[in-house]
Each structure stands twice: as structure tokens, then as C-alpha cells.
Amino acid sequence: MTTDLPLLSNARSDRVRSVRSLGRRAVRQRVGRFVVEGPQAVRELLSYAGHAASDLYLTSSAAERHTEIVELANAVRVAVRLCTDEVLAAMTDTSHPQGMIAVAEPVHVPLEEALGAVTGRDNPASRLFVVVLTNVRDPGNAGTVLRAADAFGAAAVLVSDASVDIYNPKVVRSTVGSLFHLPVSVGAPVPDLLEACRAAGLRVLAADGTGETSLPEVDLSAPHAWVMGNEAWGLEPEVRDLCDDVVSIPIVRAESLNLAMAATVCLHASSSAAR
């Protein structure tokens, strides 16, 4: 029973400071841990990647409301620790962490393994595409693209070395648990990512407003990779040159779509073509 657990009440304790420090990228990389906030994300972590979780911190009221999450934590042998609202708030960079957070190890996989998800023999037709993030710097955009990739059945997400850290708290919050649903590979330079995609038999498609090929004209029935660029300047010319085609989204009136919206449109098109 959670009510039998000791209550963490000192917001200045070493444990609290240690969890709080995971908001900094340098600390996350040094200790190999990151924070997952909120019931939905924590539930997905425990359900899909429970082996990566180490600690669950939650208030007494959250424990009463979300008994199934506590049961999940116990089932995968994650330490459950009750704490006050003040302690929980001190552990995160948000004012309202929704009553619980978890600490976990990174869940990304090697590039070859991520691409194996689309090239495997038992791969369903709905997972014939991957997403490549190049120089994506905004945490909210990165998280939203990852969530869209999950929603529309992408086989994997590949994140370049020049992009935002996917374990940034804002990225993790934006994925709302999708981070734990599909293979994510991080850290490779963009040319290496595109070369690996092509070697795996994927057609490499640049999503860019300068493209002369319109999205409705593209054959998305074969395995392919969508290459997404930076929020401000899009894809660099040298990256576009490495792609098999440059695809634009037809727009009626607005000047352009932001990265997350453009990615969602492209991924929906890929998902529809696979049905």
C-alpha cells in the first residue's frame, strides 16, 4: 500500500536537487537519466518501457486517483515514493507537474535497429516510412512531430546530432508518451542518416516549401523517409541535394506551415497511402 510509504517532505534534500538537475542536458548526459511528467506519459513509460524506469514520485492524492499506475510500477519493480506537492514542484521546471513524475534511463536505439523496424519481413504496410529530424531545435516541435509519427504509424524517428535533445523535459511532455511507443535513434550526422535510409531501401523525400513536386503527386506506397528541416530556415541546400525528391505541400492562402503542421500533413499522407 502506498499509504505505508514514508513521505518525502524536504524540498531542499539531495534527492530533490538531484532530480531537479535532470532538467539540464549536461546532467542528463552525464548520469543517463531523464524525467517523465504527468499520469499519461508515466503510464506509457511503465507500460511500454518499464525496464527503463527507476523511480516514481507522486503525491498521496495522485496515488489515490491513479492506483493502476502504482500497480504498473510495482509490477515492473519501479520504486514508488510519496512526496508533498512542494517537493514534486521542486523536482520539475513546471508549476503543475500533474501529481507525479518518473525518472528513467534513455530509451533510444541504435540507427540500424531503428531502420530494422521498417525493413523487417513482418513489418505491416502501415509502417513503411520513417521521419528524419535535421537541425530541429524547438522542443515543442520535436515532441509534436514524434507524436504525429506515432499517431500515423511511422516505423521510427531518426534525430540528427544537431537537433534538440529528445530528453529535454519540454520534448518529453510534448510527446505525451509517444516517445515510448516507437524506435527513436539519436546522435548521427544528417548525411549518415540519409545514407543509412537509402541503404535500407527507403526513398528519401525532403519536405520543403521550395519543392517542385507537390505532395499529392508523390508515390508513397513504397518505403520512404521524410526529411524535416529547421523551424526558421528549413532544409539546407546541401541536405536537399542528398534527397531523392523535394516535396512541397499545396497551400491555399497561408504563407507557410510550421514544422509540426507540415510534418503532420506529410505523415498523414504516408499513412493514407499504406491503407
C-alpha atoms as a PDB file:
ATOM      1  CA  MET A   1       0.000   0.000   0.000  1.00  0.00           C
ATOM      2  CA  THR A   2       1.311   3.474  -0.892  1.00  0.00           C
ATOM      3  CA  THR A   3      -0.020   4.886   2.369  1.00  0.00           C
ATOM      4  CA  ASP A   4       2.580   2.784   4.172  1.00  0.00           C
ATOM      5  CA  LEU A   5       5.436   4.508   2.354  1.00  0.00           C
ATOM      6  CA  PRO A   6       7.464   7.294   4.005  1.00  0.00           C
ATOM      7  CA  LEU A   7       6.616  10.792   2.805  1.00  0.00           C
ATOM      8  CA  LEU A   8       9.321  12.920   1.154  1.00  0.00           C
ATOM      9  CA  SER A   9       8.750  16.396   2.547  1.00  0.00           C
ATOM     10  CA  ASN A  10      12.092  18.212   2.366  1.00  0.00           C
ATOM     11  CA  ALA A  11      12.177  20.231  -0.870  1.00  0.00           C
ATOM     12  CA  ARG A  12      15.865  21.018  -0.291  1.00  0.00           C
ATOM     13  CA  SER A  13      17.051  17.439   0.091  1.00  0.00           C
ATOM     14  CA  ASP A  14      19.822  15.968  -2.049  1.00  0.00           C
ATOM     15  CA  ARG A  15      17.332  13.640  -3.739  1.00  0.00           C
ATOM     16  CA  VAL A  16      15.102  16.520  -4.775  1.00  0.00           C
ATOM     17  CA  ARG A  17      18.047  18.539  -6.078  1.00  0.00           C
ATOM     18  CA  SER A  18      19.309  15.506  -7.967  1.00  0.00           C
ATOM     19  CA  VAL A  19      16.006  15.022  -9.780  1.00  0.00           C
ATOM     20  CA  ARG A  20      15.697  18.743 -10.442  1.00  0.00           C
ATOM     21  CA  SER A  21      19.161  18.793 -12.038  1.00  0.00           C
ATOM     22  CA  LEU A  22      17.921  16.421 -14.759  1.00  0.00           C
ATOM     23  CA  GLY A  23      16.369  19.476 -16.373  1.00  0.00           C
ATOM     24  CA  ARG A  24      19.886  20.286 -17.639  1.00  0.00           C
ATOM     25  CA  ARG A  25      21.186  18.470 -20.699  1.00  0.00           C
ATOM     26  CA  ALA A  26      24.727  18.124 -19.379  1.00  0.00           C
ATOM     27  CA  VAL A  27      23.469  16.375 -16.249  1.00  0.00           C
ATOM     28  CA  ARG A  28      21.147  14.079 -18.213  1.00  0.00           C
ATOM     29  CA  GLN A  29      24.032  13.019 -20.430  1.00  0.00           C
ATOM     30  CA  ARG A  30      26.392  12.501 -17.503  1.00  0.00           C
ATOM     31  CA  VAL A  31      24.086  10.380 -15.342  1.00  0.00           C
ATOM     32  CA  GLY A  32      21.994   8.759 -18.068  1.00  0.00           C
ATOM     33  CA  ARG A  33      18.590   9.713 -16.624  1.00  0.00           C
ATOM     34  CA  PHE A  34      15.676  11.951 -17.579  1.00  0.00           C
ATOM     35  CA  VAL A  35      12.305  12.996 -16.135  1.00  0.00           C
ATOM     36  CA  VAL A  36       8.849  11.987 -17.341  1.00  0.00           C
ATOM     37  CA  GLU A  37       5.974  14.155 -16.106  1.00  0.00           C
ATOM     38  CA  GLY A  38       2.255  13.547 -15.739  1.00  0.00           C
ATOM     39  CA  PRO A  39      -0.011  10.490 -15.492  1.00  0.00           C
ATOM     40  CA  GLN A  40      -0.380   9.844 -19.227  1.00  0.00           C
ATOM     41  CA  ALA A  41       3.334   9.919 -20.021  1.00  0.00           C
ATOM     42  CA  VAL A  42       4.258   7.959 -16.901  1.00  0.00           C
ATOM     43  CA  ARG A  43       1.633   5.318 -17.733  1.00  0.00           C
ATOM     44  CA  GLU A  44       3.076   4.878 -21.230  1.00  0.00           C
ATOM     45  CA  LEU A  45       6.618   4.696 -19.861  1.00  0.00           C
ATOM     46  CA  LEU A  46       5.695   1.935 -17.421  1.00  0.00           C
ATOM     47  CA  SER A  47       3.574   0.066 -19.980  1.00  0.00           C
ATOM     48  CA  TYR A  48       5.972   0.178 -22.943  1.00  0.00           C
ATOM     49  CA  ALA A  49       9.413   0.774 -21.436  1.00  0.00           C
ATOM     50  CA  GLY A  50       9.090  -0.203 -17.799  1.00  0.00           C
ATOM     51  CA  HIS A  51      12.596  -1.652 -17.862  1.00  0.00           C
ATOM     52  CA  ALA A  52      13.949   1.897 -18.288  1.00  0.00           C
ATOM     53  CA  ALA A  53      12.123   3.399 -15.290  1.00  0.00           C
ATOM     54  CA  SER A  54      13.804   3.579 -11.896  1.00  0.00           C
ATOM     55  CA  ASP A  55      11.663   5.773  -9.606  1.00  0.00           C
ATOM     56  CA  LEU A  56       8.096   7.029  -9.461  1.00  0.00           C
ATOM     57  CA  TYR A  57       7.403  10.132  -7.350  1.00  0.00           C
ATOM     58  CA  LEU A  58       3.804  11.098  -6.690  1.00  0.00           C
ATOM     59  CA  THR A  59       1.605  12.875  -4.195  1.00  0.00           C
ATOM     60  CA  SER A  60      -0.775  10.973  -1.942  1.00  0.00           C
ATOM     61  CA  SER A  61      -3.785  12.331  -3.803  1.00  0.00           C
ATOM     62  CA  ALA A  62      -2.299  11.270  -7.158  1.00  0.00           C
ATOM     63  CA  ALA A  63      -1.647   7.808  -5.762  1.00  0.00           C
ATOM     64  CA  GLU A  64      -5.310   7.535  -4.784  1.00  0.00           C
ATOM     65  CA  ARG A  65      -6.512   8.728  -8.205  1.00  0.00           C
ATOM     66  CA  HIS A  66      -4.131   6.592 -10.252  1.00  0.00           C
ATOM     67  CA  THR A  67      -3.952   3.256  -8.475  1.00  0.00           C
ATOM     68  CA  GLU A  68      -3.397   1.499 -11.825  1.00  0.00           C
ATOM     69  CA  ILE A  69      -0.158   3.445 -12.347  1.00  0.00           C
ATOM     70  CA  VAL A  70       1.089   2.465  -8.903  1.00  0.00           C
ATOM     71  CA  GLU A  71       0.219  -1.159  -9.737  1.00  0.00           C
ATOM     72  CA  LEU A  72       2.129  -0.885 -13.021  1.00  0.00           C
ATOM     73  CA  ALA A  73       5.156   0.492 -11.174  1.00  0.00           C
ATOM     74  CA  ASN A  74       5.053  -2.345  -8.684  1.00  0.00           C
ATOM     75  CA  ALA A  75       4.703  -4.895 -11.493  1.00  0.00           C
ATOM     76  CA  VAL A  76       7.911  -3.715 -13.189  1.00  0.00           C
ATOM     77  CA  ARG A  77       9.682  -3.215  -9.867  1.00  0.00           C
ATOM     78  CA  VAL A  78       9.950   0.556 -10.001  1.00  0.00           C
ATOM     79  CA  ALA A  79      10.452   2.270  -6.645  1.00  0.00           C
ATOM     80  CA  VAL A  80       7.321   4.206  -5.625  1.00  0.00           C
ATOM     81  CA  ARG A  81       7.934   7.261  -3.440  1.00  0.00           C
ATOM     82  CA  LEU A  82       5.262   9.516  -1.958  1.00  0.00           C
ATOM     83  CA  CYS A  83       6.037  13.228  -1.714  1.00  0.00           C
ATOM     84  CA  THR A  84       4.381  16.516  -0.893  1.00  0.00           C
ATOM     85  CA  ASP A  85       3.172  18.928  -3.567  1.00  0.00           C
ATOM     86  CA  GLU A  86       6.046  21.238  -2.633  1.00  0.00           C
ATOM     87  CA  VAL A  87       8.633  18.501  -3.176  1.00  0.00           C
ATOM     88  CA  LEU A  88       7.142  17.466  -6.520  1.00  0.00           C
ATOM     89  CA  ALA A  89       7.104  21.075  -7.732  1.00  0.00           C
ATOM     90  CA  ALA A  90      10.736  21.486  -6.668  1.00  0.00           C
ATOM     91  CA  MET A  91      11.743  18.476  -8.777  1.00  0.00           C
ATOM     92  CA  THR A  92      10.499  19.896 -12.087  1.00  0.00           C
ATOM     93  CA  ASP A  93      10.572  23.054 -14.174  1.00  0.00           C
ATOM     94  CA  THR A  94       6.769  23.256 -14.384  1.00  0.00           C
ATOM     95  CA  SER A  95       4.342  24.783 -11.915  1.00  0.00           C
ATOM     96  CA  HIS A  96       1.862  21.905 -12.219  1.00  0.00           C
ATOM     97  CA  PRO A  97       3.515  18.505 -12.818  1.00  0.00           C
ATOM     98  CA  GLN A  98       0.089  16.824 -12.520  1.00  0.00           C
ATOM     99  CA  GLY A  99       0.832  14.952  -9.341  1.00  0.00           C
ATOM    100  CA  MET A 100       3.576  12.613 -10.487  1.00  0.00           C
ATOM    101  CA  ILE A 101       6.888  12.238 -12.251  1.00  0.00           C
ATOM    102  CA  ALA A 102       9.125   9.291 -13.065  1.00  0.00           C
ATOM    103  CA  VAL A 103      12.861   9.035 -13.573  1.00  0.00           C
ATOM    104  CA  ALA A 104      14.057   6.796 -16.395  1.00  0.00           C
ATOM    105  CA  GLU A 105      17.063   5.788 -18.445  1.00  0.00           C
ATOM    106  CA  PRO A 106      17.276   6.800 -22.141  1.00  0.00           C
ATOM    107  CA  VAL A 107      15.118   4.694 -24.468  1.00  0.00           C
ATOM    108  CA  HIS A 108      16.673   5.482 -27.857  1.00  0.00           C
ATOM    109  CA  VAL A 109      18.045   2.667 -30.013  1.00  0.00           C
ATOM    110  CA  PRO A 110      20.949   2.333 -32.494  1.00  0.00           C
ATOM    111  CA  LEU A 111      20.312   3.555 -36.041  1.00  0.00           C
ATOM    112  CA  GLU A 112      20.478   0.070 -37.556  1.00  0.00           C
ATOM    113  CA  GLU A 113      17.896  -1.218 -35.092  1.00  0.00           C
ATOM    114  CA  ALA A 114      15.561   1.702 -35.756  1.00  0.00           C
ATOM    115  CA  LEU A 115      15.697   1.143 -39.505  1.00  0.00           C
ATOM    116  CA  GLY A 116      15.197  -2.565 -38.955  1.00  0.00           C
ATOM    117  CA  ALA A 117      11.685  -1.688 -37.824  1.00  0.00           C
ATOM    118  CA  VAL A 118      10.805  -0.679 -41.405  1.00  0.00           C
ATOM    119  CA  THR A 119      12.822  -3.300 -43.278  1.00  0.00           C
ATOM    120  CA  GLY A 120      11.804  -6.356 -41.256  1.00  0.00           C
ATOM    121  CA  ARG A 121       9.897  -9.079 -43.067  1.00  0.00           C
ATOM    122  CA  ASP A 122       6.969  -8.981 -40.664  1.00  0.00           C
ATOM    123  CA  ASN A 123       6.598  -5.231 -40.961  1.00  0.00           C
ATOM    124  CA  PRO A 124       2.966  -4.194 -41.664  1.00  0.00           C
ATOM    125  CA  ALA A 125       2.261  -1.980 -44.660  1.00  0.00           C
ATOM    126  CA  SER A 126       1.299   0.871 -42.350  1.00  0.00           C
ATOM    127  CA  ARG A 127       4.912   1.161 -41.159  1.00  0.00           C
ATOM    128  CA  LEU A 128       6.769   1.664 -44.409  1.00  0.00           C
ATOM    129  CA  PHE A 129       8.095   5.118 -43.564  1.00  0.00           C
ATOM    130  CA  VAL A 130      10.348   6.892 -41.089  1.00  0.00           C
ATOM    131  CA  VAL A 131      10.883  10.510 -40.064  1.00  0.00           C
ATOM    132  CA  VAL A 132      14.277  12.231 -40.073  1.00  0.00           C
ATOM    133  CA  LEU A 133      14.670  15.394 -37.976  1.00  0.00           C
ATOM    134  CA  THR A 134      17.549  17.596 -39.149  1.00  0.00           C
ATOM    135  CA  ASN A 135      18.531  20.645 -37.097  1.00  0.00           C
ATOM    136  CA  VAL A 136      15.165  20.755 -35.343  1.00  0.00           C
ATOM    137  CA  ARG A 137      15.794  22.967 -32.323  1.00  0.00           C
ATOM    138  CA  ASP A 138      12.394  23.714 -30.787  1.00  0.00           C
ATOM    139  CA  PRO A 139      11.442  21.175 -28.088  1.00  0.00           C
ATOM    140  CA  GLY A 140       7.713  21.548 -28.673  1.00  0.00           C
ATOM    141  CA  ASN A 141       8.062  20.986 -32.400  1.00  0.00           C
ATOM    142  CA  ALA A 142      10.275  17.935 -31.953  1.00  0.00           C
ATOM    143  CA  GLY A 143       7.863  16.392 -29.477  1.00  0.00           C
ATOM    144  CA  THR A 144       4.844  17.110 -31.654  1.00  0.00           C
ATOM    145  CA  VAL A 145       6.493  15.561 -34.727  1.00  0.00           C
ATOM    146  CA  LEU A 146       7.339  12.473 -32.704  1.00  0.00           C
ATOM    147  CA  ARG A 147       3.752  12.258 -31.512  1.00  0.00           C
ATOM    148  CA  ALA A 148       2.470  12.592 -35.083  1.00  0.00           C
ATOM    149  CA  ALA A 149       4.894   9.874 -36.214  1.00  0.00           C
ATOM    150  CA  ASP A 150       3.427   7.603 -33.566  1.00  0.00           C
ATOM    151  CA  ALA A 151      -0.152   8.517 -34.441  1.00  0.00           C
ATOM    152  CA  PHE A 152       0.212   7.822 -38.164  1.00  0.00           C
ATOM    153  CA  GLY A 153       2.220   4.624 -37.866  1.00  0.00           C
ATOM    154  CA  ALA A 154       5.799   5.601 -38.703  1.00  0.00           C
ATOM    155  CA  ALA A 155       8.305   2.806 -38.190  1.00  0.00           C
ATOM    156  CA  ALA A 156      10.854   5.037 -36.472  1.00  0.00           C
ATOM    157  CA  VAL A 157      12.086   8.576 -35.849  1.00  0.00           C
ATOM    158  CA  LEU A 158      15.721   9.470 -36.543  1.00  0.00           C
ATOM    159  CA  VAL A 159      17.052  12.591 -34.813  1.00  0.00           C
ATOM    160  CA  SER A 160      20.270  14.230 -36.029  1.00  0.00           C
ATOM    161  CA  ASP A 161      23.152  15.254 -33.806  1.00  0.00           C
ATOM    162  CA  ALA A 162      22.351  18.927 -34.445  1.00  0.00           C
ATOM    163  CA  SER A 163      18.776  18.658 -33.185  1.00  0.00           C
ATOM    164  CA  VAL A 164      17.290  19.247 -29.750  1.00  0.00           C
ATOM    165  CA  ASP A 165      17.842  16.634 -27.040  1.00  0.00           C
ATOM    166  CA  ILE A 166      14.764  14.376 -27.097  1.00  0.00           C
ATOM    167  CA  TYR A 167      15.053  14.023 -23.310  1.00  0.00           C
ATOM    168  CA  ASN A 168      14.557  17.742 -22.799  1.00  0.00           C
ATOM    169  CA  PRO A 169      11.557  17.953 -20.413  1.00  0.00           C
ATOM    170  CA  LYS A 170       9.588  20.012 -22.949  1.00  0.00           C
ATOM    171  CA  VAL A 171      10.157  17.408 -25.667  1.00  0.00           C
ATOM    172  CA  VAL A 172       9.111  14.575 -23.362  1.00  0.00           C
ATOM    173  CA  ARG A 173       5.966  16.445 -22.302  1.00  0.00           C
ATOM    174  CA  SER A 174       5.059  17.216 -25.928  1.00  0.00           C
ATOM    175  CA  THR A 175       5.194  13.551 -26.932  1.00  0.00           C
ATOM    176  CA  VAL A 176       2.634  12.665 -24.219  1.00  0.00           C
ATOM    177  CA  GLY A 177       4.062   9.147 -24.056  1.00  0.00           C
ATOM    178  CA  SER A 178       4.690   8.570 -27.771  1.00  0.00           C
ATOM    179  CA  LEU A 179       8.424   8.627 -27.051  1.00  0.00           C
ATOM    180  CA  PHE A 180       7.991   5.119 -25.644  1.00  0.00           C
ATOM    181  CA  HIS A 181       5.890   3.690 -28.481  1.00  0.00           C
ATOM    182  CA  LEU A 182       8.270   3.535 -31.438  1.00  0.00           C
ATOM    183  CA  PRO A 183      12.007   3.262 -32.071  1.00  0.00           C
ATOM    184  CA  VAL A 184      13.876   6.561 -31.830  1.00  0.00           C
ATOM    185  CA  SER A 185      17.535   6.875 -32.848  1.00  0.00           C
ATOM    186  CA  VAL A 186      19.613   9.925 -31.955  1.00  0.00           C
ATOM    187  CA  GLY A 187      23.037  11.434 -32.487  1.00  0.00           C
ATOM    188  CA  ALA A 188      24.071  10.684 -36.072  1.00  0.00           C
ATOM    189  CA  PRO A 189      25.030  13.439 -38.553  1.00  0.00           C
ATOM    190  CA  VAL A 190      22.436  14.179 -41.219  1.00  0.00           C
ATOM    191  CA  PRO A 191      24.461  12.719 -44.158  1.00  0.00           C
ATOM    192  CA  ASP A 192      24.875   9.469 -42.235  1.00  0.00           C
ATOM    193  CA  LEU A 193      21.149   9.300 -41.526  1.00  0.00           C
ATOM    194  CA  LEU A 194      20.230   9.779 -45.162  1.00  0.00           C
ATOM    195  CA  GLU A 195      22.835   7.293 -46.339  1.00  0.00           C
ATOM    196  CA  ALA A 196      21.527   4.725 -43.860  1.00  0.00           C
ATOM    197  CA  CYS A 197      17.949   5.286 -45.030  1.00  0.00           C
ATOM    198  CA  ARG A 198      18.928   4.801 -48.659  1.00  0.00           C
ATOM    199  CA  ALA A 199      20.955   1.682 -47.815  1.00  0.00           C
ATOM    200  CA  ALA A 200      17.862   0.285 -46.089  1.00  0.00           C
ATOM    201  CA  GLY A 201      15.898   0.704 -49.316  1.00  0.00           C
ATOM    202  CA  LEU A 202      13.999   3.851 -48.394  1.00  0.00           C
ATOM    203  CA  ARG A 203      13.307   6.633 -50.869  1.00  0.00           C
ATOM    204  CA  VAL A 204      14.458   9.872 -49.242  1.00  0.00           C
ATOM    205  CA  LEU A 205      11.939  12.716 -49.512  1.00  0.00           C
ATOM    206  CA  ALA A 206      12.712  16.261 -48.407  1.00  0.00           C
ATOM    207  CA  ALA A 207       9.688  18.127 -47.078  1.00  0.00           C
ATOM    208  CA  ASP A 208      10.337  21.716 -48.135  1.00  0.00           C
ATOM    209  CA  GLY A 209       8.311  24.633 -49.441  1.00  0.00           C
ATOM    210  CA  THR A 210      10.746  25.060 -52.338  1.00  0.00           C
ATOM    211  CA  GLY A 211       9.915  21.643 -53.749  1.00  0.00           C
ATOM    212  CA  GLU A 212       8.587  21.467 -57.300  1.00  0.00           C
ATOM    213  CA  THR A 213       6.889  18.129 -56.617  1.00  0.00           C
ATOM    214  CA  SER A 214       3.507  18.539 -54.936  1.00  0.00           C
ATOM    215  CA  LEU A 215       2.585  16.150 -52.108  1.00  0.00           C
ATOM    216  CA  PRO A 216      -0.458  14.694 -53.924  1.00  0.00           C
ATOM    217  CA  GLU A 217       1.818  13.724 -56.842  1.00  0.00           C
ATOM    218  CA  VAL A 218       4.245  11.620 -54.773  1.00  0.00           C
ATOM    219  CA  ASP A 219       4.022   7.827 -54.710  1.00  0.00           C
ATOM    220  CA  LEU A 220       4.094   6.966 -51.014  1.00  0.00           C
ATOM    221  CA  SER A 221       3.285   3.275 -51.380  1.00  0.00           C
ATOM    222  CA  ALA A 222       6.948   2.200 -51.269  1.00  0.00           C
ATOM    223  CA  PRO A 223       9.218   2.527 -48.188  1.00  0.00           C
ATOM    224  CA  HIS A 224      10.349   6.116 -47.710  1.00  0.00           C
ATOM    225  CA  ALA A 225      11.856   8.617 -45.289  1.00  0.00           C
ATOM    226  CA  TRP A 226      10.501  12.113 -44.674  1.00  0.00           C
ATOM    227  CA  VAL A 227      13.304  14.605 -44.026  1.00  0.00           C
ATOM    228  CA  MET A 228      12.228  17.604 -41.928  1.00  0.00           C
ATOM    229  CA  GLY A 229      14.282  20.778 -41.531  1.00  0.00           C
ATOM    230  CA  ASN A 230      14.853  23.611 -39.115  1.00  0.00           C
ATOM    231  CA  GLU A 231      11.917  25.749 -37.951  1.00  0.00           C
ATOM    232  CA  ALA A 232      13.440  29.020 -39.190  1.00  0.00           C
ATOM    233  CA  TRP A 233      15.366  28.214 -42.373  1.00  0.00           C
ATOM    234  CA  GLY A 234      14.009  24.825 -43.409  1.00  0.00           C
ATOM    235  CA  LEU A 235      16.361  22.365 -45.101  1.00  0.00           C
ATOM    236  CA  GLU A 236      19.826  23.439 -46.104  1.00  0.00           C
ATOM    237  CA  PRO A 237      20.568  23.216 -49.863  1.00  0.00           C
ATOM    238  CA  GLU A 238      23.186  20.521 -49.342  1.00  0.00           C
ATOM    239  CA  VAL A 239      20.644  18.387 -47.466  1.00  0.00           C
ATOM    240  CA  ARG A 240      18.033  18.814 -50.185  1.00  0.00           C
ATOM    241  CA  ASP A 241      20.642  17.754 -52.730  1.00  0.00           C
ATOM    242  CA  LEU A 242      21.118  14.489 -50.846  1.00  0.00           C
ATOM    243  CA  CYS A 243      17.423  13.635 -51.131  1.00  0.00           C
ATOM    244  CA  ASP A 244      15.705  11.800 -53.970  1.00  0.00           C
ATOM    245  CA  ASP A 245      12.945  14.386 -54.280  1.00  0.00           C
ATOM    246  CA  VAL A 246      11.893  17.684 -52.713  1.00  0.00           C
ATOM    247  CA  VAL A 247       8.191  17.767 -51.884  1.00  0.00           C
ATOM    248  CA  SER A 248       6.016  20.768 -51.098  1.00  0.00           C
ATOM    249  CA  ILE A 249       2.553  20.893 -49.530  1.00  0.00           C
ATOM    250  CA  PRO A 250      -0.101  22.737 -51.555  1.00  0.00           C
ATOM    251  CA  ILE A 251      -1.316  25.769 -49.591  1.00  0.00           C
ATOM    252  CA  VAL A 252      -4.387  27.816 -50.494  1.00  0.00           C
ATOM    253  CA  ARG A 253      -3.817  31.060 -48.589  1.00  0.00           C
ATOM    254  CA  ALA A 254      -1.376  30.928 -45.660  1.00  0.00           C
ATOM    255  CA  GLU A 255       2.227  31.858 -46.402  1.00  0.00           C
ATOM    256  CA  SER A 256       3.557  28.621 -44.938  1.00  0.00           C
ATOM    257  CA  LEU A 257       3.040  25.853 -42.389  1.00  0.00           C
ATOM    258  CA  ASN A 258       5.182  25.452 -39.312  1.00  0.00           C
ATOM    259  CA  LEU A 259       7.315  22.349 -38.912  1.00  0.00           C
ATOM    260  CA  ALA A 260       4.910  20.389 -36.745  1.00  0.00           C
ATOM    261  CA  MET A 261       1.946  21.076 -39.039  1.00  0.00           C
ATOM    262  CA  ALA A 262       3.887  20.242 -42.196  1.00  0.00           C
ATOM    263  CA  ALA A 263       5.165  17.004 -40.686  1.00  0.00           C
ATOM    264  CA  THR A 264       1.657  16.019 -39.621  1.00  0.00           C
ATOM    265  CA  VAL A 265       0.309  16.572 -43.149  1.00  0.00           C
ATOM    266  CA  CYS A 266       3.112  14.526 -44.736  1.00  0.00           C
ATOM    267  CA  LEU A 267       2.799  11.706 -42.243  1.00  0.00           C
ATOM    268  CA  HIS A 268      -0.952  11.536 -42.664  1.00  0.00           C
ATOM    269  CA  ALA A 269      -0.425  11.258 -46.417  1.00  0.00           C
ATOM    270  CA  SER A 270       2.013   8.376 -45.903  1.00  0.00           C
ATOM    271  CA  SER A 271      -0.384   6.621 -43.555  1.00  0.00           C
ATOM    272  CA  SER A 272      -3.267   7.014 -46.006  1.00  0.00           C
ATOM    273  CA  ALA A 273      -1.192   5.658 -48.902  1.00  0.00           C
ATOM    274  CA  ALA A 274      -0.385   2.497 -46.914  1.00  0.00           C
ATOM    275  CA  ARG A 275      -4.042   1.568 -46.358  1.00  0.00           C
END
